[in-house]
Amino acid sequence: MSAIDWLSALLLVVGAAFFFAGTLGLLRFPDVYSRLHALAKADNLGLGCVLLGLALRADSLAVAMKLLLIWPLVLTASAGVGFAIARRAQTLGIRPWRQGDAP
């Protein structure tokens, strides 16, 4: 295996670890706002690592560029969707969790 293959495999494993951390945050955090934060941060960083790892293994530069174009599009969509969910939770009167509140 070449150095590019090792780096690609490392990025894929790191990306999978971030996806796992985001999923764990979704299951463990107490309210919708902290769950959104866990998903937005961990999953977007995980996706970036996975896409970079796949781009390193791509057969052509065009395929690598298409893979890398996915990331800013998902970042933009994630920010918009996260804002919409948080705004809807706020209008429904869902308050953020505070220390001492029941989860």
PDB file of N, CA and C in Angstrom:
ATOM      1  N   MET A   1       0.837  -1.192   0.000  1.00  0.00           N
ATOM      2  CA  MET A   1       0.000   0.000   0.000  1.00  0.00           C
ATOM      3  C   MET A   1       0.877   1.250   0.000  1.00  0.00           C
ATOM      4  N   SER A   2       0.442   2.213  -0.781  1.00  0.00           N
ATOM      5  CA  SER A   2       1.192   3.466  -0.857  1.00  0.00           C
ATOM      6  C   SER A   2       0.769   4.406   0.271  1.00  0.00           C
ATOM      7  N   ALA A   3       1.476   5.505   0.374  1.00  0.00           N
ATOM      8  CA  ALA A   3       1.172   6.491   1.412  1.00  0.00           C
ATOM      9  C   ALA A   3      -0.210   7.113   1.188  1.00  0.00           C
ATOM     10  N   ILE A   4      -0.599   7.284  -0.065  1.00  0.00           N
ATOM     11  CA  ILE A   4      -1.921   7.844  -0.380  1.00  0.00           C
ATOM     12  C   ILE A   4      -3.012   6.882   0.089  1.00  0.00           C
ATOM     13  N   ASP A   5      -2.801   5.593  -0.106  1.00  0.00           N
ATOM     14  CA  ASP A   5      -3.777   4.604   0.343  1.00  0.00           C
ATOM     15  C   ASP A   5      -3.914   4.607   1.865  1.00  0.00           C
ATOM     16  N   TRP A   6      -2.787   4.714   2.562  1.00  0.00           N
ATOM     17  CA  TRP A   6      -2.831   4.767   4.024  1.00  0.00           C
ATOM     18  C   TRP A   6      -3.541   6.025   4.512  1.00  0.00           C
ATOM     19  N   LEU A   7      -3.238   7.156   3.889  1.00  0.00           N
ATOM     20  CA  LEU A   7      -3.885   8.412   4.272  1.00  0.00           C
ATOM     21  C   LEU A   7      -5.384   8.366   3.991  1.00  0.00           C
ATOM     22  N   SER A   8      -5.741   7.795   2.864  1.00  0.00           N
ATOM     23  CA  SER A   8      -7.149   7.650   2.520  1.00  0.00           C
ATOM     24  C   SER A   8      -7.870   6.760   3.527  1.00  0.00           C
ATOM     25  N   ALA A   9      -7.265   5.640   3.872  1.00  0.00           N
ATOM     26  CA  ALA A   9      -7.872   4.741   4.855  1.00  0.00           C
ATOM     27  C   ALA A   9      -7.997   5.421   6.214  1.00  0.00           C
ATOM     28  N   LEU A  10      -6.991   6.182   6.599  1.00  0.00           N
ATOM     29  CA  LEU A  10      -7.040   6.905   7.869  1.00  0.00           C
ATOM     30  C   LEU A  10      -8.170   7.927   7.868  1.00  0.00           C
ATOM     31  N   LEU A  11      -8.321   8.662   6.778  1.00  0.00           N
ATOM     32  CA  LEU A  11      -9.398   9.653   6.686  1.00  0.00           C
ATOM     33  C   LEU A  11     -10.770   8.983   6.736  1.00  0.00           C
ATOM     34  N   LEU A  12     -10.899   7.835   6.099  1.00  0.00           N
ATOM     35  CA  LEU A  12     -12.174   7.117   6.140  1.00  0.00           C
ATOM     36  C   LEU A  12     -12.503   6.644   7.548  1.00  0.00           C
ATOM     37  N   VAL A  13     -11.510   6.166   8.267  1.00  0.00           N
ATOM     38  CA  VAL A  13     -11.731   5.706   9.646  1.00  0.00           C
ATOM     39  C   VAL A  13     -12.043   6.893  10.554  1.00  0.00           C
ATOM     40  N   VAL A  14     -11.333   7.994  10.397  1.00  0.00           N
ATOM     41  CA  VAL A  14     -11.604   9.195  11.196  1.00  0.00           C
ATOM     42  C   VAL A  14     -13.004   9.717  10.898  1.00  0.00           C
ATOM     43  N   GLY A  15     -13.385   9.723   9.624  1.00  0.00           N
ATOM     44  CA  GLY A  15     -14.737  10.146   9.264  1.00  0.00           C
ATOM     45  C   GLY A  15     -15.797   9.259   9.889  1.00  0.00           C
ATOM     46  N   ALA A  16     -15.568   7.958   9.874  1.00  0.00           N
ATOM     47  CA  ALA A  16     -16.518   7.034  10.502  1.00  0.00           C
ATOM     48  C   ALA A  16     -16.595   7.275  12.007  1.00  0.00           C
ATOM     49  N   ALA A  17     -15.462   7.604  12.625  1.00  0.00           N
ATOM     50  CA  ALA A  17     -15.463   7.898  14.064  1.00  0.00           C
ATOM     51  C   ALA A  17     -16.274   9.153  14.363  1.00  0.00           C
ATOM     52  N   PHE A  18     -16.171  10.171  13.511  1.00  0.00           N
ATOM     53  CA  PHE A  18     -16.980  11.372  13.705  1.00  0.00           C
ATOM     54  C   PHE A  18     -18.464  11.082  13.505  1.00  0.00           C
ATOM     55  N   PHE A  19     -18.796  10.249  12.532  1.00  0.00           N
ATOM     56  CA  PHE A  19     -20.200   9.858  12.355  1.00  0.00           C
ATOM     57  C   PHE A  19     -20.715   9.125  13.601  1.00  0.00           C
ATOM     58  N   PHE A  20     -19.894   8.253  14.149  1.00  0.00           N
ATOM     59  CA  PHE A  20     -20.276   7.536  15.358  1.00  0.00           C
ATOM     60  C   PHE A  20     -20.477   8.505  16.526  1.00  0.00           C
ATOM     61  N   ALA A  21     -19.577   9.481  16.653  1.00  0.00           N
ATOM     62  CA  ALA A  21     -19.699  10.466  17.728  1.00  0.00           C
ATOM     63  C   ALA A  21     -20.969  11.300  17.560  1.00  0.00           C
ATOM     64  N   GLY A  22     -21.301  11.674  16.335  1.00  0.00           N
ATOM     65  CA  GLY A  22     -22.533  12.424  16.092  1.00  0.00           C
ATOM     66  C   GLY A  22     -23.769  11.613  16.430  1.00  0.00           C
ATOM     67  N   THR A  23     -23.751  10.342  16.082  1.00  0.00           N
ATOM     68  CA  THR A  23     -24.874   9.471  16.410  1.00  0.00           C
ATOM     69  C   THR A  23     -24.999   9.286  17.917  1.00  0.00           C
ATOM     70  N   LEU A  24     -23.880   9.142  18.585  1.00  0.00           N
ATOM     71  CA  LEU A  24     -23.891   9.032  20.041  1.00  0.00           C
ATOM     72  C   LEU A  24     -24.450  10.308  20.671  1.00  0.00           C
ATOM     73  N   GLY A  25     -24.068  11.460  20.144  1.00  0.00           N
ATOM     74  CA  GLY A  25     -24.604  12.725  20.641  1.00  0.00           C
ATOM     75  C   GLY A  25     -26.101  12.832  20.418  1.00  0.00           C
ATOM     76  N   LEU A  26     -26.565  12.358  19.287  1.00  0.00           N
ATOM     77  CA  LEU A  26     -27.994  12.377  19.003  1.00  0.00           C
ATOM     78  C   LEU A  26     -28.766  11.542  20.016  1.00  0.00           C
ATOM     79  N   LEU A  27     -28.193  10.427  20.405  1.00  0.00           N
ATOM     80  CA  LEU A  27     -28.872   9.535  21.347  1.00  0.00           C
ATOM     81  C   LEU A  27     -28.725   9.971  22.800  1.00  0.00           C
ATOM     82  N   ARG A  28     -27.638  10.636  23.151  1.00  0.00           N
ATOM     83  CA  ARG A  28     -27.338  10.898  24.552  1.00  0.00           C
ATOM     84  C   ARG A  28     -27.669  12.322  25.022  1.00  0.00           C
ATOM     85  N   PHE A  29     -27.653  13.303  24.153  1.00  0.00           N
ATOM     86  CA  PHE A  29     -27.858  14.681  24.597  1.00  0.00           C
ATOM     87  C   PHE A  29     -29.310  14.925  24.966  1.00  0.00           C
ATOM     88  N   PRO A  30     -29.561  15.842  25.904  1.00  0.00           N
ATOM     89  CA  PRO A  30     -30.888  15.933  26.511  1.00  0.00           C
ATOM     90  C   PRO A  30     -31.943  16.718  25.729  1.00  0.00           C
ATOM     91  N   ASP A  31     -31.545  17.639  24.858  1.00  0.00           N
ATOM     92  CA  ASP A  31     -32.572  18.450  24.188  1.00  0.00           C
ATOM     93  C   ASP A  31     -32.282  18.589  22.705  1.00  0.00           C
ATOM     94  N   VAL A  32     -33.248  19.159  22.009  1.00  0.00           N
ATOM     95  CA  VAL A  32     -33.160  19.254  20.550  1.00  0.00           C
ATOM     96  C   VAL A  32     -32.003  20.149  20.110  1.00  0.00           C
ATOM     97  N   TYR A  33     -31.700  21.174  20.883  1.00  0.00           N
ATOM     98  CA  TYR A  33     -30.655  22.114  20.479  1.00  0.00           C
ATOM     99  C   TYR A  33     -29.260  21.495  20.572  1.00  0.00           C
ATOM    100  N   SER A  34     -28.991  20.794  21.643  1.00  0.00           N
ATOM    101  CA  SER A  34     -27.681  20.145  21.767  1.00  0.00           C
ATOM    102  C   SER A  34     -27.568  18.958  20.805  1.00  0.00           C
ATOM    103  N   ARG A  35     -28.668  18.300  20.517  1.00  0.00           N
ATOM    104  CA  ARG A  35     -28.642  17.218  19.530  1.00  0.00           C
ATOM    105  C   ARG A  35     -28.338  17.760  18.136  1.00  0.00           C
ATOM    106  N   LEU A  36     -28.935  18.885  17.808  1.00  0.00           N
ATOM    107  CA  LEU A  36     -28.633  19.513  16.524  1.00  0.00           C
ATOM    108  C   LEU A  36     -27.159  19.890  16.436  1.00  0.00           C
ATOM    109  N   HIS A  37     -26.623  20.400  17.528  1.00  0.00           N
ATOM    110  CA  HIS A  37     -25.216  20.787  17.546  1.00  0.00           C
ATOM    111  C   HIS A  37     -24.323  19.574  17.304  1.00  0.00           C
ATOM    112  N   ALA A  38     -24.620  18.474  17.981  1.00  0.00           N
ATOM    113  CA  ALA A  38     -23.817  17.262  17.814  1.00  0.00           C
ATOM    114  C   ALA A  38     -23.872  16.755  16.379  1.00  0.00           C
ATOM    115  N   LEU A  39     -25.056  16.753  15.812  1.00  0.00           N
ATOM    116  CA  LEU A  39     -25.179  16.265  14.433  1.00  0.00           C
ATOM    117  C   LEU A  39     -24.501  17.195  13.441  1.00  0.00           C
ATOM    118  N   ALA A  40     -24.714  18.487  13.602  1.00  0.00           N
ATOM    119  CA  ALA A  40     -24.161  19.434  12.637  1.00  0.00           C
ATOM    120  C   ALA A  40     -22.635  19.414  12.653  1.00  0.00           C
ATOM    121  N   LYS A  41     -22.047  19.417  13.816  1.00  0.00           N
ATOM    122  CA  LYS A  41     -20.587  19.482  13.888  1.00  0.00           C
ATOM    123  C   LYS A  41     -19.939  18.149  13.529  1.00  0.00           C
ATOM    124  N   ALA A  42     -20.329  17.104  14.218  1.00  0.00           N
ATOM    125  CA  ALA A  42     -19.655  15.822  14.022  1.00  0.00           C
ATOM    126  C   ALA A  42     -19.914  15.242  12.635  1.00  0.00           C
ATOM    127  N   ASP A  43     -21.149  15.286  12.189  1.00  0.00           N
ATOM    128  CA  ASP A  43     -21.453  14.678  10.892  1.00  0.00           C
ATOM    129  C   ASP A  43     -20.858  15.460   9.727  1.00  0.00           C
ATOM    130  N   ASN A  44     -20.830  16.784   9.829  1.00  0.00           N
ATOM    131  CA  ASN A  44     -20.226  17.559   8.744  1.00  0.00           C
ATOM    132  C   ASN A  44     -18.720  17.354   8.682  1.00  0.00           C
ATOM    133  N   LEU A  45     -18.069  17.274   9.824  1.00  0.00           N
ATOM    134  CA  LEU A  45     -16.640  17.001   9.825  1.00  0.00           C
ATOM    135  C   LEU A  45     -16.370  15.565   9.365  1.00  0.00           C
ATOM    136  N   GLY A  46     -17.207  14.637   9.798  1.00  0.00           N
ATOM    137  CA  GLY A  46     -17.062  13.253   9.340  1.00  0.00           C
ATOM    138  C   GLY A  46     -17.238  13.128   7.840  1.00  0.00           C
ATOM    139  N   LEU A  47     -18.225  13.837   7.311  1.00  0.00           N
ATOM    140  CA  LEU A  47     -18.436  13.803   5.864  1.00  0.00           C
ATOM    141  C   LEU A  47     -17.237  14.379   5.117  1.00  0.00           C
ATOM    142  N   GLY A  48     -16.666  15.451   5.645  1.00  0.00           N
ATOM    143  CA  GLY A  48     -15.484  16.038   5.011  1.00  0.00           C
ATOM    144  C   GLY A  48     -14.327  15.057   4.970  1.00  0.00           C
ATOM    145  N   CYS A  49     -14.101  14.355   6.068  1.00  0.00           N
ATOM    146  CA  CYS A  49     -13.015  13.363   6.103  1.00  0.00           C
ATOM    147  C   CYS A  49     -13.283  12.210   5.135  1.00  0.00           C
ATOM    148  N   VAL A  50     -14.517  11.722   5.115  1.00  0.00           N
ATOM    149  CA  VAL A  50     -14.859  10.617   4.222  1.00  0.00           C
ATOM    150  C   VAL A  50     -14.712  11.044   2.755  1.00  0.00           C
ATOM    151  N   LEU A  51     -15.214  12.222   2.420  1.00  0.00           N
ATOM    152  CA  LEU A  51     -15.116  12.674   1.032  1.00  0.00           C
ATOM    153  C   LEU A  51     -13.676  12.927   0.613  1.00  0.00           C
ATOM    154  N   LEU A  52     -12.869  13.465   1.516  1.00  0.00           N
ATOM    155  CA  LEU A  52     -11.460  13.661   1.196  1.00  0.00           C
ATOM    156  C   LEU A  52     -10.757  12.319   1.015  1.00  0.00           C
ATOM    157  N   GLY A  53     -11.085  11.351   1.866  1.00  0.00           N
ATOM    158  CA  GLY A  53     -10.510  10.016   1.719  1.00  0.00           C
ATOM    159  C   GLY A  53     -10.914   9.352   0.410  1.00  0.00           C
ATOM    160  N   LEU A  54     -12.178   9.543   0.017  1.00  0.00           N
ATOM    161  CA  LEU A  54     -12.627   8.987  -1.265  1.00  0.00           C
ATOM    162  C   LEU A  54     -12.013   9.727  -2.446  1.00  0.00           C
ATOM    163  N   ALA A  55     -11.846  11.043  -2.309  1.00  0.00           N
ATOM    164  CA  ALA A  55     -11.246  11.826  -3.393  1.00  0.00           C
ATOM    165  C   ALA A  55      -9.799  11.407  -3.630  1.00  0.00           C
ATOM    166  N   LEU A  56      -9.095  11.028  -2.576  1.00  0.00           N
ATOM    167  CA  LEU A  56      -7.716  10.555  -2.755  1.00  0.00           C
ATOM    168  C   LEU A  56      -7.663   9.244  -3.531  1.00  0.00           C
ATOM    169  N   ARG A  57      -8.726   8.459  -3.461  1.00  0.00           N
ATOM    170  CA  ARG A  57      -8.779   7.180  -4.177  1.00  0.00           C
ATOM    171  C   ARG A  57      -9.440   7.288  -5.555  1.00  0.00           C
ATOM    172  N   ALA A  58      -9.909   8.471  -5.908  1.00  0.00           N
ATOM    173  CA  ALA A  58     -10.624   8.648  -7.176  1.00  0.00           C
ATOM    174  C   ALA A  58      -9.694   8.388  -8.364  1.00  0.00           C
ATOM    175  N   ASP A  59     -10.312   7.900  -9.443  1.00  0.00           N
ATOM    176  CA  ASP A  59      -9.535   7.574 -10.638  1.00  0.00           C
ATOM    177  C   ASP A  59      -9.134   8.805 -11.439  1.00  0.00           C
ATOM    178  N   SER A  60      -9.945   9.849 -11.378  1.00  0.00           N
ATOM    179  CA  SER A  60      -9.639  11.035 -12.169  1.00  0.00           C
ATOM    180  C   SER A  60      -9.847  12.292 -11.324  1.00  0.00           C
ATOM    181  N   LEU A  61      -9.291  13.379 -11.804  1.00  0.00           N
ATOM    182  CA  LEU A  61      -9.430  14.654 -11.114  1.00  0.00           C
ATOM    183  C   LEU A  61     -10.875  15.124 -11.139  1.00  0.00           C
ATOM    184  N   ALA A  62     -11.591  14.840 -12.212  1.00  0.00           N
ATOM    185  CA  ALA A  62     -12.996  15.252 -12.311  1.00  0.00           C
ATOM    186  C   ALA A  62     -13.844  14.571 -11.235  1.00  0.00           C
ATOM    187  N   VAL A  63     -13.617  13.305 -11.009  1.00  0.00           N
ATOM    188  CA  VAL A  63     -14.362  12.579  -9.981  1.00  0.00           C
ATOM    189  C   VAL A  63     -14.010  13.130  -8.601  1.00  0.00           C
ATOM    190  N   ALA A  64     -12.733  13.408  -8.366  1.00  0.00           N
ATOM    191  CA  ALA A  64     -12.304  13.959  -7.078  1.00  0.00           C
ATOM    192  C   ALA A  64     -12.943  15.325  -6.836  1.00  0.00           C
ATOM    193  N   MET A  65     -13.003  16.158  -7.856  1.00  0.00           N
ATOM    194  CA  MET A  65     -13.621  17.488  -7.705  1.00  0.00           C
ATOM    195  C   MET A  65     -15.120  17.372  -7.432  1.00  0.00           C
ATOM    196  N   LYS A  66     -15.775  16.428  -8.085  1.00  0.00           N
ATOM    197  CA  LYS A  66     -17.204  16.219  -7.819  1.00  0.00           C
ATOM    198  C   LYS A  66     -17.428  15.768  -6.381  1.00  0.00           C
ATOM    199  N   LEU A  67     -16.568  14.896  -5.904  1.00  0.00           N
ATOM    200  CA  LEU A  67     -16.681  14.451  -4.517  1.00  0.00           C
ATOM    201  C   LEU A  67     -16.469  15.612  -3.556  1.00  0.00           C
ATOM    202  N   LEU A  68     -15.481  16.447  -3.829  1.00  0.00           N
ATOM    203  CA  LEU A  68     -15.193  17.568  -2.940  1.00  0.00           C
ATOM    204  C   LEU A  68     -16.240  18.665  -3.041  1.00  0.00           C
ATOM    205  N   LEU A  69     -16.981  18.725  -4.134  1.00  0.00           N
ATOM    206  CA  LEU A  69     -18.058  19.702  -4.278  1.00  0.00           C
ATOM    207  C   LEU A  69     -19.257  19.345  -3.399  1.00  0.00           C
ATOM    208  N   ILE A  70     -19.388  18.080  -3.063  1.00  0.00           N
ATOM    209  CA  ILE A  70     -20.508  17.648  -2.229  1.00  0.00           C
ATOM    210  C   ILE A  70     -20.440  18.298  -0.852  1.00  0.00           C
ATOM    211  N   TRP A  71     -19.233  18.438  -0.309  1.00  0.00           N
ATOM    212  CA  TRP A  71     -19.092  18.915   1.060  1.00  0.00           C
ATOM    213  C   TRP A  71     -19.644  20.323   1.281  1.00  0.00           C
ATOM    214  N   PRO A  72     -19.277  21.335   0.482  1.00  0.00           N
ATOM    215  CA  PRO A  72     -19.871  22.667   0.728  1.00  0.00           C
ATOM    216  C   PRO A  72     -21.384  22.689   0.508  1.00  0.00           C
ATOM    217  N   LEU A  73     -21.873  21.869  -0.392  1.00  0.00           N
ATOM    218  CA  LEU A  73     -23.318  21.810  -0.592  1.00  0.00           C
ATOM    219  C   LEU A  73     -24.026  21.244   0.640  1.00  0.00           C
ATOM    220  N   VAL A  74     -23.463  20.198   1.212  1.00  0.00           N
ATOM    221  CA  VAL A  74     -24.048  19.610   2.419  1.00  0.00           C
ATOM    222  C   VAL A  74     -23.898  20.557   3.609  1.00  0.00           C
ATOM    223  N   LEU A  75     -22.780  21.250   3.712  1.00  0.00           N
ATOM    224  CA  LEU A  75     -22.600  22.230   4.791  1.00  0.00           C
ATOM    225  C   LEU A  75     -23.664  23.315   4.725  1.00  0.00           C
ATOM    226  N   THR A  76     -23.941  23.803   3.535  1.00  0.00           N
ATOM    227  CA  THR A  76     -24.957  24.843   3.355  1.00  0.00           C
ATOM    228  C   THR A  76     -26.343  24.305   3.699  1.00  0.00           C
ATOM    229  N   ALA A  77     -26.656  23.130   3.195  1.00  0.00           N
ATOM    230  CA  ALA A  77     -27.970  22.543   3.480  1.00  0.00           C
ATOM    231  C   ALA A  77     -28.120  22.224   4.966  1.00  0.00           C
ATOM    232  N   SER A  78     -27.064  21.737   5.586  1.00  0.00           N
ATOM    233  CA  SER A  78     -27.118  21.399   7.005  1.00  0.00           C
ATOM    234  C   SER A  78     -27.357  22.644   7.856  1.00  0.00           C
ATOM    235  N   ALA A  79     -26.715  23.734   7.510  1.00  0.00           N
ATOM    236  CA  ALA A  79     -26.918  24.972   8.262  1.00  0.00           C
ATOM    237  C   ALA A  79     -28.358  25.455   8.132  1.00  0.00           C
ATOM    238  N   GLY A  80     -28.885  25.400   6.941  1.00  0.00           N
ATOM    239  CA  GLY A  80     -30.267  25.835   6.730  1.00  0.00           C
ATOM    240  C   GLY A  80     -31.284  24.955   7.435  1.00  0.00           C
ATOM    241  N   VAL A  81     -31.099  23.662   7.347  1.00  0.00           N
ATOM    242  CA  VAL A  81     -32.025  22.727   7.984  1.00  0.00           C
ATOM    243  C   VAL A  81     -31.906  22.811   9.505  1.00  0.00           C
ATOM    244  N   GLY A  82     -30.688  22.928  10.015  1.00  0.00           N
ATOM    245  CA  GLY A  82     -30.494  23.061  11.450  1.00  0.00           C
ATOM    246  C   GLY A  82     -31.157  24.320  11.990  1.00  0.00           C
ATOM    247  N   PHE A  83     -31.037  25.406  11.250  1.00  0.00           N
ATOM    248  CA  PHE A  83     -31.696  26.652  11.654  1.00  0.00           C
ATOM    249  C   PHE A  83     -33.213  26.484  11.651  1.00  0.00           C
ATOM    250  N   ALA A  84     -33.733  25.850  10.615  1.00  0.00           N
ATOM    251  CA  ALA A  84     -35.187  25.669  10.523  1.00  0.00           C
ATOM    252  C   ALA A  84     -35.718  24.795  11.664  1.00  0.00           C
ATOM    253  N   ILE A  85     -35.003  23.735  11.999  1.00  0.00           N
ATOM    254  CA  ILE A  85     -35.442  22.868  13.094  1.00  0.00           C
ATOM    255  C   ILE A  85     -35.368  23.605  14.422  1.00  0.00           C
ATOM    256  N   ALA A  86     -34.280  24.322  14.664  1.00  0.00           N
ATOM    257  CA  ALA A  86     -34.141  25.061  15.921  1.00  0.00           C
ATOM    258  C   ALA A  86     -35.186  26.167  16.024  1.00  0.00           C
ATOM    259  N   ARG A  87     -35.452  26.835  14.938  1.00  0.00           N
ATOM    260  CA  ARG A  87     -36.461  27.899  14.946  1.00  0.00           C
ATOM    261  C   ARG A  87     -37.851  27.324  15.222  1.00  0.00           C
ATOM    262  N   ARG A  88     -38.161  26.187  14.627  1.00  0.00           N
ATOM    263  CA  ARG A  88     -39.460  25.548  14.859  1.00  0.00           C
ATOM    264  C   ARG A  88     -39.579  25.081  16.310  1.00  0.00           C
ATOM    265  N   ALA A  89     -38.513  24.539  16.848  1.00  0.00           N
ATOM    266  CA  ALA A  89     -38.537  24.123  18.255  1.00  0.00           C
ATOM    267  C   ALA A  89     -38.756  25.328  19.157  1.00  0.00           C
ATOM    268  N   GLN A  90     -38.151  26.450  18.807  1.00  0.00           N
ATOM    269  CA  GLN A  90     -38.328  27.655  19.608  1.00  0.00           C
ATOM    270  C   GLN A  90     -39.759  28.173  19.518  1.00  0.00           C
ATOM    271  N   THR A  91     -40.340  28.157  18.338  1.00  0.00           N
ATOM    272  CA  THR A  91     -41.717  28.637  18.202  1.00  0.00           C
ATOM    273  C   THR A  91     -42.716  27.699  18.880  1.00  0.00           C
ATOM    274  N   LEU A  92     -42.359  26.427  19.013  1.00  0.00           N
ATOM    275  CA  LEU A  92     -43.215  25.488  19.734  1.00  0.00           C
ATOM    276  C   LEU A  92     -43.048  25.598  21.246  1.00  0.00           C
ATOM    277  N   GLY A  93     -42.112  26.421  21.674  1.00  0.00           N
ATOM    278  CA  GLY A  93     -41.916  26.635  23.104  1.00  0.00           C
ATOM    279  C   GLY A  93     -40.993  25.631  23.767  1.00  0.00           C
ATOM    280  N   ILE A  94     -40.212  24.906  22.994  1.00  0.00           N
ATOM    281  CA  ILE A  94     -39.266  23.944  23.564  1.00  0.00           C
ATOM    282  C   ILE A  94     -38.063  24.725  24.077  1.00  0.00           C
ATOM    283  N   ARG A  95     -37.857  24.653  25.362  1.00  0.00           N
ATOM    284  CA  ARG A  95     -36.776  25.413  25.973  1.00  0.00           C
ATOM    285  C   ARG A  95     -35.512  24.564  26.046  1.00  0.00           C
ATOM    286  N   PRO A  96     -34.355  25.220  26.019  1.00  0.00           N
ATOM    287  CA  PRO A  96     -33.104  24.467  26.160  1.00  0.00           C
ATOM    288  C   PRO A  96     -33.006  23.827  27.545  1.00  0.00           C
ATOM    289  N   TRP A  97     -32.339  22.701  27.597  1.00  0.00           N
ATOM    290  CA  TRP A  97     -32.125  21.991  28.840  1.00  0.00           C
ATOM    291  C   TRP A  97     -31.191  22.790  29.736  1.00  0.00           C
ATOM    292  N   ARG A  98     -31.457  22.792  31.018  1.00  0.00           N
ATOM    293  CA  ARG A  98     -30.591  23.454  31.980  1.00  0.00           C
ATOM    294  C   ARG A  98     -30.173  22.441  33.042  1.00  0.00           C
ATOM    295  N   GLN A  99     -29.059  22.708  33.678  1.00  0.00           N
ATOM    296  CA  GLN A  99     -28.561  21.827  34.737  1.00  0.00           C
ATOM    297  C   GLN A  99     -29.642  21.678  35.807  1.00  0.00           C
ATOM    298  N   GLY A 100     -29.944  20.462  36.173  1.00  0.00           N
ATOM    299  CA  GLY A 100     -30.973  20.196  37.173  1.00  0.00           C
ATOM    300  C   GLY A 100     -32.320  19.823  36.580  1.00  0.00           C
ATOM    301  N   ASP A 101     -32.534  20.112  35.281  1.00  0.00           N
ATOM    302  CA  ASP A 101     -33.783  19.704  34.635  1.00  0.00           C
ATOM    303  C   ASP A 101     -33.759  18.200  34.394  1.00  0.00           C
ATOM    304  N   ALA A 102     -34.914  17.608  34.357  1.00  0.00           N
ATOM    305  CA  ALA A 102     -34.998  16.193  34.025  1.00  0.00           C
ATOM    306  C   ALA A 102     -34.753  16.030  32.528  1.00  0.00           C
ATOM    307  N   PRO A 103     -33.946  15.053  32.119  1.00  0.00           N
ATOM    308  CA  PRO A 103     -33.664  14.883  30.682  1.00  0.00           C
ATOM    309  C   PRO A 103     -34.851  14.422  29.888  1.00  0.00           C
TER     310      PRO A 103
END
